[in-house]
Each structure stands twice: as C-alpha cells, then as structure tokens.
Amino acid sequence: MSYTLSFRPLLEDEGWRAGLVGGVAALPFTTATYVRTGSELTLGPVFVAGLIAGSLVADPSVRSRAANRAGVIGALPGLWLVSDSVFFIATGMESGAARIAAVVVLTLFTALLFGLAVAVAAVGARVGGWLRAKTSWLRPAGVTL
C-alpha cells in the first residue's frame, strides 16, 4: 500500500485557496520586518493577508476559515523569533527553574502570537469582504444592488 501526498483536496477548497494566497503573499513582508529589526515582528502584512483572503471569498463562513489560515500562514516567520528564544533558553540560562519558567512563558507567547495573527487577519478579511461587496468587478453575474 503506497501513500501519495496530494494537495488537490486542499486546493479544491475555496477557504484553503484564499488562505494560501493571502498567507503566502504576506510571508516575505512579515519575514522582512523581523529581519530588519532582529527582535520585532509586525502583523501589518497579516492584516493585508486577511484582506486578500477576504476579498477572494464571497461566503462569510468560508471567509472566516480563509482568514484563519491566512493569519497562521502569514505569522509563520514568528517561529523564527521563537526559535531564537529557544536557542537563548538552551544556551544562555543556567538555572533549571528559570529555564522551565522561560519555556512556559515562550509557549504562552507563541499561542498569543498566532491567536493575535488570526484576529488581525479576521479583521482584514472583514474589510476585504466589505470591499468585495462594494466593488462591482468582483460581484458574481446577476447580482444587482
């Protein structure tokens, strides 16, 4: 029995397509903000990722899933920040109790980072959905306002 990895089911789902487009579009800009500063990560590109994903999807329930995916994908450079912190914890801390506390704080920070990225992308998707409804060139045929 051979298993083949296929991305076709993911790409057939409208939420995944829009989330991937928005998230991948945000990746270089999110990465650039971290590389430029070395210690900070801005979520402006994640907002734009949500905006793109929200403007590509008409259905509000699919739009929220696309925003979640765009937020997580757009915030992936945050793992670079986390890995730098893990390296510091592993090499720069002497006390075992301090290491445990630092790992707990880092775990909470990572969850907060991705949760905040999803929330920012959701706001962007909301704006993108509003823009989609207001612009005539993205409306499906037969819809009049």
C-alpha atoms as a PDB file:
ATOM      1  CA  MET A   1       0.000   0.000   0.000  1.00  0.00           C
ATOM      2  CA  SER A   2       1.592   3.255  -1.070  1.00  0.00           C
ATOM      3  CA  TYR A   3       0.556   6.606   0.234  1.00  0.00           C
ATOM      4  CA  THR A   4       0.760   9.580  -2.063  1.00  0.00           C
ATOM      5  CA  LEU A   5       0.710  13.093  -0.788  1.00  0.00           C
ATOM      6  CA  SER A   6      -1.818  15.133  -2.720  1.00  0.00           C
ATOM      7  CA  PHE A   7      -2.615  18.775  -2.236  1.00  0.00           C
ATOM      8  CA  ARG A   8      -5.512  18.639  -4.672  1.00  0.00           C
ATOM      9  CA  PRO A   9      -8.241  18.362  -1.974  1.00  0.00           C
ATOM     10  CA  LEU A  10      -6.788  21.397  -0.230  1.00  0.00           C
ATOM     11  CA  LEU A  11      -6.652  23.424  -3.416  1.00  0.00           C
ATOM     12  CA  GLU A  12     -10.216  22.487  -4.323  1.00  0.00           C
ATOM     13  CA  ASP A  13     -11.430  24.052  -1.068  1.00  0.00           C
ATOM     14  CA  GLU A  14     -12.095  27.767  -1.574  1.00  0.00           C
ATOM     15  CA  GLY A  15     -11.084  28.598   2.003  1.00  0.00           C
ATOM     16  CA  TRP A  16      -7.703  26.939   1.622  1.00  0.00           C
ATOM     17  CA  ARG A  17      -7.046  28.573  -1.747  1.00  0.00           C
ATOM     18  CA  ALA A  18      -7.812  32.063  -0.467  1.00  0.00           C
ATOM     19  CA  GLY A  19      -5.933  31.467   2.788  1.00  0.00           C
ATOM     20  CA  LEU A  20      -2.870  30.205   0.960  1.00  0.00           C
ATOM     21  CA  VAL A  21      -2.878  33.124  -1.478  1.00  0.00           C
ATOM     22  CA  GLY A  22      -3.171  35.691   1.311  1.00  0.00           C
ATOM     23  CA  GLY A  23      -0.773  33.956   3.677  1.00  0.00           C
ATOM     24  CA  VAL A  24       1.916  33.302   1.105  1.00  0.00           C
ATOM     25  CA  ALA A  25       1.639  36.907  -0.084  1.00  0.00           C
ATOM     26  CA  ALA A  26       2.295  38.080   3.483  1.00  0.00           C
ATOM     27  CA  LEU A  27       5.238  35.756   4.221  1.00  0.00           C
ATOM     28  CA  PRO A  28       8.057  37.792   2.628  1.00  0.00           C
ATOM     29  CA  PHE A  29       6.863  41.028   4.214  1.00  0.00           C
ATOM     30  CA  THR A  30       6.439  39.519   7.671  1.00  0.00           C
ATOM     31  CA  THR A  31       9.874  37.946   7.341  1.00  0.00           C
ATOM     32  CA  ALA A  32      11.374  41.261   6.223  1.00  0.00           C
ATOM     33  CA  THR A  33      10.020  43.059   9.289  1.00  0.00           C
ATOM     34  CA  TYR A  34      11.722  40.543  11.563  1.00  0.00           C
ATOM     35  CA  VAL A  35      14.986  40.517   9.614  1.00  0.00           C
ATOM     36  CA  ARG A  36      15.108  44.314   9.561  1.00  0.00           C
ATOM     37  CA  THR A  37      14.756  44.664  13.346  1.00  0.00           C
ATOM     38  CA  GLY A  38      16.031  41.321  14.633  1.00  0.00           C
ATOM     39  CA  SER A  39      13.686  41.388  17.601  1.00  0.00           C
ATOM     40  CA  GLU A  40      10.267  42.639  16.489  1.00  0.00           C
ATOM     41  CA  LEU A  41       7.538  41.147  14.342  1.00  0.00           C
ATOM     42  CA  THR A  42       4.785  43.355  12.947  1.00  0.00           C
ATOM     43  CA  LEU A  43       1.421  41.987  11.894  1.00  0.00           C
ATOM     44  CA  GLY A  44       0.612  44.586   9.238  1.00  0.00           C
ATOM     45  CA  PRO A  45       1.306  42.097   6.450  1.00  0.00           C
ATOM     46  CA  VAL A  46      -1.003  39.620   8.180  1.00  0.00           C
ATOM     47  CA  PHE A  47      -3.793  42.207   8.017  1.00  0.00           C
ATOM     48  CA  VAL A  48      -3.177  42.512   4.278  1.00  0.00           C
ATOM     49  CA  ALA A  49      -3.195  38.699   4.017  1.00  0.00           C
ATOM     50  CA  GLY A  50      -6.642  38.665   5.600  1.00  0.00           C
ATOM     51  CA  LEU A  51      -7.728  41.487   3.306  1.00  0.00           C
ATOM     52  CA  ILE A  52      -6.670  39.479   0.264  1.00  0.00           C
ATOM     53  CA  ALA A  53      -8.271  36.272   1.533  1.00  0.00           C
ATOM     54  CA  GLY A  54     -11.494  38.064   2.445  1.00  0.00           C
ATOM     55  CA  SER A  55     -11.766  39.734  -0.923  1.00  0.00           C
ATOM     56  CA  LEU A  56     -11.355  36.428  -2.753  1.00  0.00           C
ATOM     57  CA  VAL A  57     -14.222  34.647  -0.950  1.00  0.00           C
ATOM     58  CA  ALA A  58     -17.912  35.502  -1.158  1.00  0.00           C
ATOM     59  CA  ASP A  59     -19.328  33.202   1.543  1.00  0.00           C
ATOM     60  CA  PRO A  60     -18.837  34.631   5.087  1.00  0.00           C
ATOM     61  CA  SER A  61     -18.308  31.210   6.706  1.00  0.00           C
ATOM     62  CA  VAL A  62     -15.635  30.302   4.168  1.00  0.00           C
ATOM     63  CA  ARG A  63     -14.168  33.796   4.572  1.00  0.00           C
ATOM     64  CA  SER A  64     -13.563  33.216   8.283  1.00  0.00           C
ATOM     65  CA  ARG A  65     -11.796  29.910   7.600  1.00  0.00           C
ATOM     66  CA  ALA A  66      -9.687  31.586   4.912  1.00  0.00           C
ATOM     67  CA  ALA A  67      -8.783  34.374   7.347  1.00  0.00           C
ATOM     68  CA  ASN A  68      -7.724  31.853   9.991  1.00  0.00           C
ATOM     69  CA  ARG A  69      -5.480  30.091   7.509  1.00  0.00           C
ATOM     70  CA  ALA A  70      -4.058  33.327   6.124  1.00  0.00           C
ATOM     71  CA  GLY A  71      -3.299  34.522   9.667  1.00  0.00           C
ATOM     72  CA  VAL A  72      -1.460  31.364  10.638  1.00  0.00           C
ATOM     73  CA  ILE A  73       0.488  31.188   7.377  1.00  0.00           C
ATOM     74  CA  GLY A  74       1.330  34.887   7.479  1.00  0.00           C
ATOM     75  CA  ALA A  75       2.610  34.608  11.056  1.00  0.00           C
ATOM     76  CA  LEU A  76       4.901  31.636  10.387  1.00  0.00           C
ATOM     77  CA  PRO A  77       8.013  33.874  10.493  1.00  0.00           C
ATOM     78  CA  GLY A  78       7.146  34.262  14.170  1.00  0.00           C
ATOM     79  CA  LEU A  79       8.537  30.762  14.601  1.00  0.00           C
ATOM     80  CA  TRP A  80      11.929  32.225  13.723  1.00  0.00           C
ATOM     81  CA  LEU A  81      11.555  34.589  16.672  1.00  0.00           C
ATOM     82  CA  VAL A  82      10.528  31.658  18.865  1.00  0.00           C
ATOM     83  CA  SER A  83      13.489  29.554  17.691  1.00  0.00           C
ATOM     84  CA  ASP A  84      15.878  32.386  18.572  1.00  0.00           C
ATOM     85  CA  SER A  85      14.353  32.443  22.044  1.00  0.00           C
ATOM     86  CA  VAL A  86      14.640  28.659  22.381  1.00  0.00           C
ATOM     87  CA  PHE A  87      18.317  28.894  21.445  1.00  0.00           C
ATOM     88  CA  PHE A  88      18.816  31.528  24.136  1.00  0.00           C
ATOM     89  CA  ILE A  89      16.990  29.414  26.721  1.00  0.00           C
ATOM     90  CA  ALA A  90      19.077  26.362  25.848  1.00  0.00           C
ATOM     91  CA  THR A  91      22.454  28.097  25.852  1.00  0.00           C
ATOM     92  CA  GLY A  92      22.192  31.248  27.923  1.00  0.00           C
ATOM     93  CA  MET A  93      20.320  30.232  31.057  1.00  0.00           C
ATOM     94  CA  GLU A  94      21.972  28.446  33.952  1.00  0.00           C
ATOM     95  CA  SER A  95      19.136  27.752  36.378  1.00  0.00           C
ATOM     96  CA  GLY A  96      16.741  24.876  35.713  1.00  0.00           C
ATOM     97  CA  ALA A  97      13.819  26.721  37.316  1.00  0.00           C
ATOM     98  CA  ALA A  98      14.458  29.754  35.135  1.00  0.00           C
ATOM     99  CA  ARG A  99      14.529  27.552  32.035  1.00  0.00           C
ATOM    100  CA  ILE A 100      11.182  26.000  32.939  1.00  0.00           C
ATOM    101  CA  ALA A 101       9.642  29.404  33.545  1.00  0.00           C
ATOM    102  CA  ALA A 102      11.074  30.700  30.274  1.00  0.00           C
ATOM    103  CA  VAL A 103       9.664  27.732  28.339  1.00  0.00           C
ATOM    104  CA  VAL A 104       6.218  28.295  29.867  1.00  0.00           C
ATOM    105  CA  VAL A 105       6.312  31.998  29.009  1.00  0.00           C
ATOM    106  CA  LEU A 106       7.557  31.236  25.486  1.00  0.00           C
ATOM    107  CA  THR A 107       4.758  28.720  24.952  1.00  0.00           C
ATOM    108  CA  LEU A 108       2.165  31.281  26.055  1.00  0.00           C
ATOM    109  CA  PHE A 109       3.806  33.918  23.856  1.00  0.00           C
ATOM    110  CA  THR A 110       3.655  31.619  20.815  1.00  0.00           C
ATOM    111  CA  ALA A 111      -0.027  30.896  21.382  1.00  0.00           C
ATOM    112  CA  LEU A 112      -0.681  34.620  21.827  1.00  0.00           C
ATOM    113  CA  LEU A 113       1.266  35.459  18.663  1.00  0.00           C
ATOM    114  CA  PHE A 114      -0.725  33.090  16.474  1.00  0.00           C
ATOM    115  CA  GLY A 115      -4.013  33.978  18.157  1.00  0.00           C
ATOM    116  CA  LEU A 116      -3.368  37.663  17.585  1.00  0.00           C
ATOM    117  CA  ALA A 117      -2.357  36.976  13.973  1.00  0.00           C
ATOM    118  CA  VAL A 118      -5.635  35.135  13.366  1.00  0.00           C
ATOM    119  CA  ALA A 119      -7.584  38.022  14.937  1.00  0.00           C
ATOM    120  CA  VAL A 120      -5.756  40.607  12.803  1.00  0.00           C
ATOM    121  CA  ALA A 121      -6.342  38.528   9.666  1.00  0.00           C
ATOM    122  CA  ALA A 122     -10.027  38.194  10.594  1.00  0.00           C
ATOM    123  CA  VAL A 123     -10.350  41.974  10.740  1.00  0.00           C
ATOM    124  CA  GLY A 124      -8.600  42.206   7.379  1.00  0.00           C
ATOM    125  CA  ALA A 125     -10.936  39.568   5.936  1.00  0.00           C
ATOM    126  CA  ARG A 126     -13.936  41.504   7.212  1.00  0.00           C
ATOM    127  CA  VAL A 127     -12.690  44.607   5.418  1.00  0.00           C
ATOM    128  CA  GLY A 128     -11.875  42.535   2.330  1.00  0.00           C
ATOM    129  CA  GLY A 129     -15.388  41.082   2.296  1.00  0.00           C
ATOM    130  CA  TRP A 130     -16.854  44.554   2.605  1.00  0.00           C
ATOM    131  CA  LEU A 131     -14.694  45.759  -0.282  1.00  0.00           C
ATOM    132  CA  ARG A 132     -15.766  42.758  -2.341  1.00  0.00           C
ATOM    133  CA  ALA A 133     -19.415  43.640  -1.760  1.00  0.00           C
ATOM    134  CA  LYS A 134     -18.839  47.299  -2.653  1.00  0.00           C
ATOM    135  CA  THR A 135     -16.842  46.818  -5.837  1.00  0.00           C
ATOM    136  CA  SER A 136     -18.748  45.766  -8.913  1.00  0.00           C
ATOM    137  CA  TRP A 137     -15.986  43.875 -10.695  1.00  0.00           C
ATOM    138  CA  LEU A 138     -15.882  41.133  -8.043  1.00  0.00           C
ATOM    139  CA  ARG A 139     -19.629  40.508  -7.885  1.00  0.00           C
ATOM    140  CA  PRO A 140     -20.984  37.341  -9.435  1.00  0.00           C
ATOM    141  CA  ALA A 141     -23.146  37.760 -12.514  1.00  0.00           C
ATOM    142  CA  GLY A 142     -26.806  38.508 -11.804  1.00  0.00           C
ATOM    143  CA  VAL A 143     -26.257  40.382  -8.545  1.00  0.00           C
ATOM    144  CA  THR A 144     -27.562  43.929  -8.568  1.00  0.00           C
ATOM    145  CA  LEU A 145     -27.585  46.477  -5.796  1.00  0.00           C
END
